[in-house]
């Protein structure tokens, strides 16, 4: 149905709800370029016949390689900080929050079972945002 549905391994014990992501044109282009349509997994990094332990090791290696690639992008873009998958996840949630998305939506998108976990995940407002809210309060 033009969606990707998955369960996040890290939170599957606490949250049985799957995460569903609509496939837009950009996501489809990535799948078309890198994916394997006849595989259980879109990307052929994990063999579904491998043990869960072996799958986890493969995932760690792929995350490390991804982070190394993101580090290269950080250097080329002359960013002040190194990009990682962890930072991308936090950025994703912070952008949604600052765009006005409800915390319940952000929580579902991250695969959290608790809104408290999501609230802890979200970055605080920067000083300019605090100054704007303070001005609105005083007026």
C-alpha atoms as a PDB file:
ATOM      1  CA  UNK A   1       0.000   0.000   0.000  1.00  0.00           C
ATOM      2  CA  UNK A   2       2.873   2.394  -0.761  1.00  0.00           C
ATOM      3  CA  UNK A   3       4.132   2.108   2.812  1.00  0.00           C
ATOM      4  CA  UNK A   4       7.033   0.546   4.665  1.00  0.00           C
ATOM      5  CA  UNK A   5       6.063  -1.134   7.919  1.00  0.00           C
ATOM      6  CA  UNK A   6       8.603  -2.378  10.439  1.00  0.00           C
ATOM      7  CA  UNK A   7       9.274  -2.909  14.103  1.00  0.00           C
ATOM      8  CA  UNK A   8      12.304  -1.295  15.665  1.00  0.00           C
ATOM      9  CA  UNK A   9      14.468  -4.025  17.203  1.00  0.00           C
ATOM     10  CA  UNK A  10      15.579  -1.829  20.102  1.00  0.00           C
ATOM     11  CA  UNK A  11      12.025  -1.169  21.293  1.00  0.00           C
ATOM     12  CA  UNK A  12      10.110  -4.265  20.152  1.00  0.00           C
ATOM     13  CA  UNK A  13       9.946  -5.665  23.712  1.00  0.00           C
ATOM     14  CA  UNK A  14       8.268  -2.494  25.008  1.00  0.00           C
ATOM     15  CA  UNK A  15       6.241  -1.454  21.984  1.00  0.00           C
ATOM     16  CA  UNK A  16       4.496  -3.987  19.795  1.00  0.00           C
ATOM     17  CA  UNK A  17       3.115  -1.299  17.475  1.00  0.00           C
ATOM     18  CA  UNK A  18       4.790  -1.314  14.065  1.00  0.00           C
ATOM     19  CA  UNK A  19       6.123   1.878  12.529  1.00  0.00           C
ATOM     20  CA  UNK A  20       4.554   2.701   9.164  1.00  0.00           C
ATOM     21  CA  UNK A  21       6.162   5.167   6.764  1.00  0.00           C
ATOM     22  CA  UNK A  22       4.463   6.312   3.562  1.00  0.00           C
ATOM     23  CA  UNK A  23       6.708   5.923   0.524  1.00  0.00           C
ATOM     24  CA  UNK A  24       7.156   9.268  -1.228  1.00  0.00           C
ATOM     25  CA  UNK A  25       9.070   9.899  -4.472  1.00  0.00           C
ATOM     26  CA  UNK A  26      12.428  10.416  -2.730  1.00  0.00           C
ATOM     27  CA  UNK A  27      12.108   7.225  -0.703  1.00  0.00           C
ATOM     28  CA  UNK A  28      11.025   5.292  -3.798  1.00  0.00           C
ATOM     29  CA  UNK A  29      14.066   6.573  -5.718  1.00  0.00           C
ATOM     30  CA  UNK A  30      16.363   5.236  -2.980  1.00  0.00           C
ATOM     31  CA  UNK A  31      14.569   1.879  -2.956  1.00  0.00           C
ATOM     32  CA  UNK A  32      14.770   1.664  -6.758  1.00  0.00           C
ATOM     33  CA  UNK A  33      18.490   2.441  -6.715  1.00  0.00           C
ATOM     34  CA  UNK A  34      19.634   0.355  -3.741  1.00  0.00           C
ATOM     35  CA  UNK A  35      16.873  -2.057  -2.785  1.00  0.00           C
ATOM     36  CA  UNK A  36      16.176  -5.652  -3.669  1.00  0.00           C
ATOM     37  CA  UNK A  37      12.463  -6.041  -4.414  1.00  0.00           C
ATOM     38  CA  UNK A  38      12.402  -9.854  -4.077  1.00  0.00           C
ATOM     39  CA  UNK A  39      14.119  -9.883  -0.677  1.00  0.00           C
ATOM     40  CA  UNK A  40      12.331 -10.010   2.696  1.00  0.00           C
ATOM     41  CA  UNK A  41      14.275  -6.872   3.551  1.00  0.00           C
ATOM     42  CA  UNK A  42      14.388  -3.897   1.168  1.00  0.00           C
ATOM     43  CA  UNK A  43      18.144  -3.616   1.503  1.00  0.00           C
ATOM     44  CA  UNK A  44      20.123  -6.851   1.228  1.00  0.00           C
ATOM     45  CA  UNK A  45      22.343  -6.302   4.255  1.00  0.00           C
ATOM     46  CA  UNK A  46      20.523  -8.742   6.526  1.00  0.00           C
ATOM     47  CA  UNK A  47      19.883 -12.355   5.652  1.00  0.00           C
ATOM     48  CA  UNK A  48      16.517 -13.423   7.143  1.00  0.00           C
ATOM     49  CA  UNK A  49      17.915 -16.960   7.538  1.00  0.00           C
ATOM     50  CA  UNK A  50      20.723 -15.759   9.840  1.00  0.00           C
ATOM     51  CA  UNK A  51      20.336 -15.992  13.601  1.00  0.00           C
ATOM     52  CA  UNK A  52      19.097 -12.876  15.425  1.00  0.00           C
ATOM     53  CA  UNK A  53      22.589 -12.503  16.902  1.00  0.00           C
ATOM     54  CA  UNK A  54      24.200 -12.561  13.447  1.00  0.00           C
ATOM     55  CA  UNK A  55      21.597 -10.120  12.118  1.00  0.00           C
ATOM     56  CA  UNK A  56      22.373  -7.757  15.021  1.00  0.00           C
ATOM     57  CA  UNK A  57      26.118  -7.912  14.293  1.00  0.00           C
ATOM     58  CA  UNK A  58      25.458  -7.147  10.620  1.00  0.00           C
ATOM     59  CA  UNK A  59      23.269  -4.214  11.620  1.00  0.00           C
ATOM     60  CA  UNK A  60      26.047  -2.844  13.861  1.00  0.00           C
ATOM     61  CA  UNK A  61      28.553  -3.069  11.008  1.00  0.00           C
ATOM     62  CA  UNK A  62      26.161  -1.338   8.590  1.00  0.00           C
ATOM     63  CA  UNK A  63      25.418   1.417  11.121  1.00  0.00           C
ATOM     64  CA  UNK A  64      29.162   1.950  11.583  1.00  0.00           C
ATOM     65  CA  UNK A  65      29.665   2.166   7.804  1.00  0.00           C
ATOM     66  CA  UNK A  66      26.746   4.576   7.528  1.00  0.00           C
ATOM     67  CA  UNK A  67      28.201   6.765  10.267  1.00  0.00           C
ATOM     68  CA  UNK A  68      31.576   6.759   8.509  1.00  0.00           C
ATOM     69  CA  UNK A  69      29.857   7.921   5.311  1.00  0.00           C
ATOM     70  CA  UNK A  70      28.009  10.633   7.226  1.00  0.00           C
ATOM     71  CA  UNK A  71      31.310  11.737   8.793  1.00  0.00           C
ATOM     72  CA  UNK A  72      32.715  12.211   5.284  1.00  0.00           C
ATOM     73  CA  UNK A  73      29.689  14.320   4.346  1.00  0.00           C
ATOM     74  CA  UNK A  74      30.209  16.369   7.517  1.00  0.00           C
ATOM     75  CA  UNK A  75      33.797  17.123   6.515  1.00  0.00           C
ATOM     76  CA  UNK A  76      32.919  17.952   2.886  1.00  0.00           C
ATOM     77  CA  UNK A  77      30.100  20.238   4.000  1.00  0.00           C
ATOM     78  CA  UNK A  78      32.420  21.834   6.597  1.00  0.00           C
ATOM     79  CA  UNK A  79      29.876  21.267   9.337  1.00  0.00           C
ATOM     80  CA  UNK A  80      30.885  22.193  12.876  1.00  0.00           C
ATOM     81  CA  UNK A  81      29.817  18.772  14.181  1.00  0.00           C
ATOM     82  CA  UNK A  82      29.962  15.259  12.811  1.00  0.00           C
ATOM     83  CA  UNK A  83      26.672  13.822  11.574  1.00  0.00           C
ATOM     84  CA  UNK A  84      25.701  10.366  12.852  1.00  0.00           C
ATOM     85  CA  UNK A  85      22.597   8.211  12.567  1.00  0.00           C
ATOM     86  CA  UNK A  86      21.951   9.061  16.219  1.00  0.00           C
ATOM     87  CA  UNK A  87      22.153  12.794  15.497  1.00  0.00           C
ATOM     88  CA  UNK A  88      19.919  12.347  12.437  1.00  0.00           C
ATOM     89  CA  UNK A  89      17.267  10.668  14.603  1.00  0.00           C
ATOM     90  CA  UNK A  90      17.340  13.527  17.103  1.00  0.00           C
ATOM     91  CA  UNK A  91      17.276  16.101  14.292  1.00  0.00           C
ATOM     92  CA  UNK A  92      14.279  14.337  12.724  1.00  0.00           C
ATOM     93  CA  UNK A  93      12.324  14.554  15.977  1.00  0.00           C
ATOM     94  CA  UNK A  94      13.377  18.142  16.710  1.00  0.00           C
ATOM     95  CA  UNK A  95      12.378  19.359  13.230  1.00  0.00           C
ATOM     96  CA  UNK A  96       8.995  17.683  13.595  1.00  0.00           C
ATOM     97  CA  UNK A  97       8.534  19.286  17.017  1.00  0.00           C
ATOM     98  CA  UNK A  98       9.474  22.760  15.800  1.00  0.00           C
ATOM     99  CA  UNK A  99       7.174  22.311  12.798  1.00  0.00           C
ATOM    100  CA  UNK A 100       4.267  21.837  15.189  1.00  0.00           C
ATOM    101  CA  UNK A 101       3.842  18.054  14.942  1.00  0.00           C
ATOM    102  CA  UNK A 102       2.100  16.574  17.990  1.00  0.00           C
ATOM    103  CA  UNK A 103       4.354  14.689  20.392  1.00  0.00           C
ATOM    104  CA  UNK A 104       2.141  11.622  19.924  1.00  0.00           C
ATOM    105  CA  UNK A 105       2.962  11.611  16.188  1.00  0.00           C
ATOM    106  CA  UNK A 106       6.691  12.063  16.859  1.00  0.00           C
ATOM    107  CA  UNK A 107       6.570   9.284  19.447  1.00  0.00           C
ATOM    108  CA  UNK A 108       4.933   6.909  16.964  1.00  0.00           C
ATOM    109  CA  UNK A 109       7.397   7.855  14.213  1.00  0.00           C
ATOM    110  CA  UNK A 110      10.327   7.095  16.534  1.00  0.00           C
ATOM    111  CA  UNK A 111       8.802   3.826  17.741  1.00  0.00           C
ATOM    112  CA  UNK A 112       8.594   4.905  21.370  1.00  0.00           C
ATOM    113  CA  UNK A 113       6.072   3.248  23.694  1.00  0.00           C
ATOM    114  CA  UNK A 114       5.986   6.247  26.030  1.00  0.00           C
ATOM    115  CA  UNK A 115       5.489   9.960  25.440  1.00  0.00           C
ATOM    116  CA  UNK A 116       7.953  10.584  28.298  1.00  0.00           C
ATOM    117  CA  UNK A 117      10.685   8.856  26.283  1.00  0.00           C
ATOM    118  CA  UNK A 118       9.889  11.102  23.323  1.00  0.00           C
ATOM    119  CA  UNK A 119       9.910  14.229  25.466  1.00  0.00           C
ATOM    120  CA  UNK A 120      13.369  13.284  26.741  1.00  0.00           C
ATOM    121  CA  UNK A 121      14.476  12.741  23.160  1.00  0.00           C
ATOM    122  CA  UNK A 122      13.400  16.150  21.922  1.00  0.00           C
ATOM    123  CA  UNK A 123      15.926  18.936  21.974  1.00  0.00           C
ATOM    124  CA  UNK A 124      15.095  22.030  24.009  1.00  0.00           C
ATOM    125  CA  UNK A 125      14.165  25.208  22.229  1.00  0.00           C
ATOM    126  CA  UNK A 126      17.108  27.341  21.295  1.00  0.00           C
ATOM    127  CA  UNK A 127      17.591  30.729  22.962  1.00  0.00           C
ATOM    128  CA  UNK A 128      16.010  32.669  20.060  1.00  0.00           C
ATOM    129  CA  UNK A 129      12.826  30.623  20.327  1.00  0.00           C
ATOM    130  CA  UNK A 130      12.781  31.224  24.094  1.00  0.00           C
ATOM    131  CA  UNK A 131      13.195  34.963  23.533  1.00  0.00           C
ATOM    132  CA  UNK A 132      10.278  34.971  21.057  1.00  0.00           C
ATOM    133  CA  UNK A 133       8.009  33.122  23.466  1.00  0.00           C
ATOM    134  CA  UNK A 134       9.056  35.428  26.270  1.00  0.00           C
ATOM    135  CA  UNK A 135       8.153  38.491  24.172  1.00  0.00           C
ATOM    136  CA  UNK A 136       4.770  36.962  23.383  1.00  0.00           C
ATOM    137  CA  UNK A 137       4.144  36.420  27.088  1.00  0.00           C
ATOM    138  CA  UNK A 138       5.008  39.981  28.064  1.00  0.00           C
ATOM    139  CA  UNK A 139       2.837  41.633  25.378  1.00  0.00           C
END
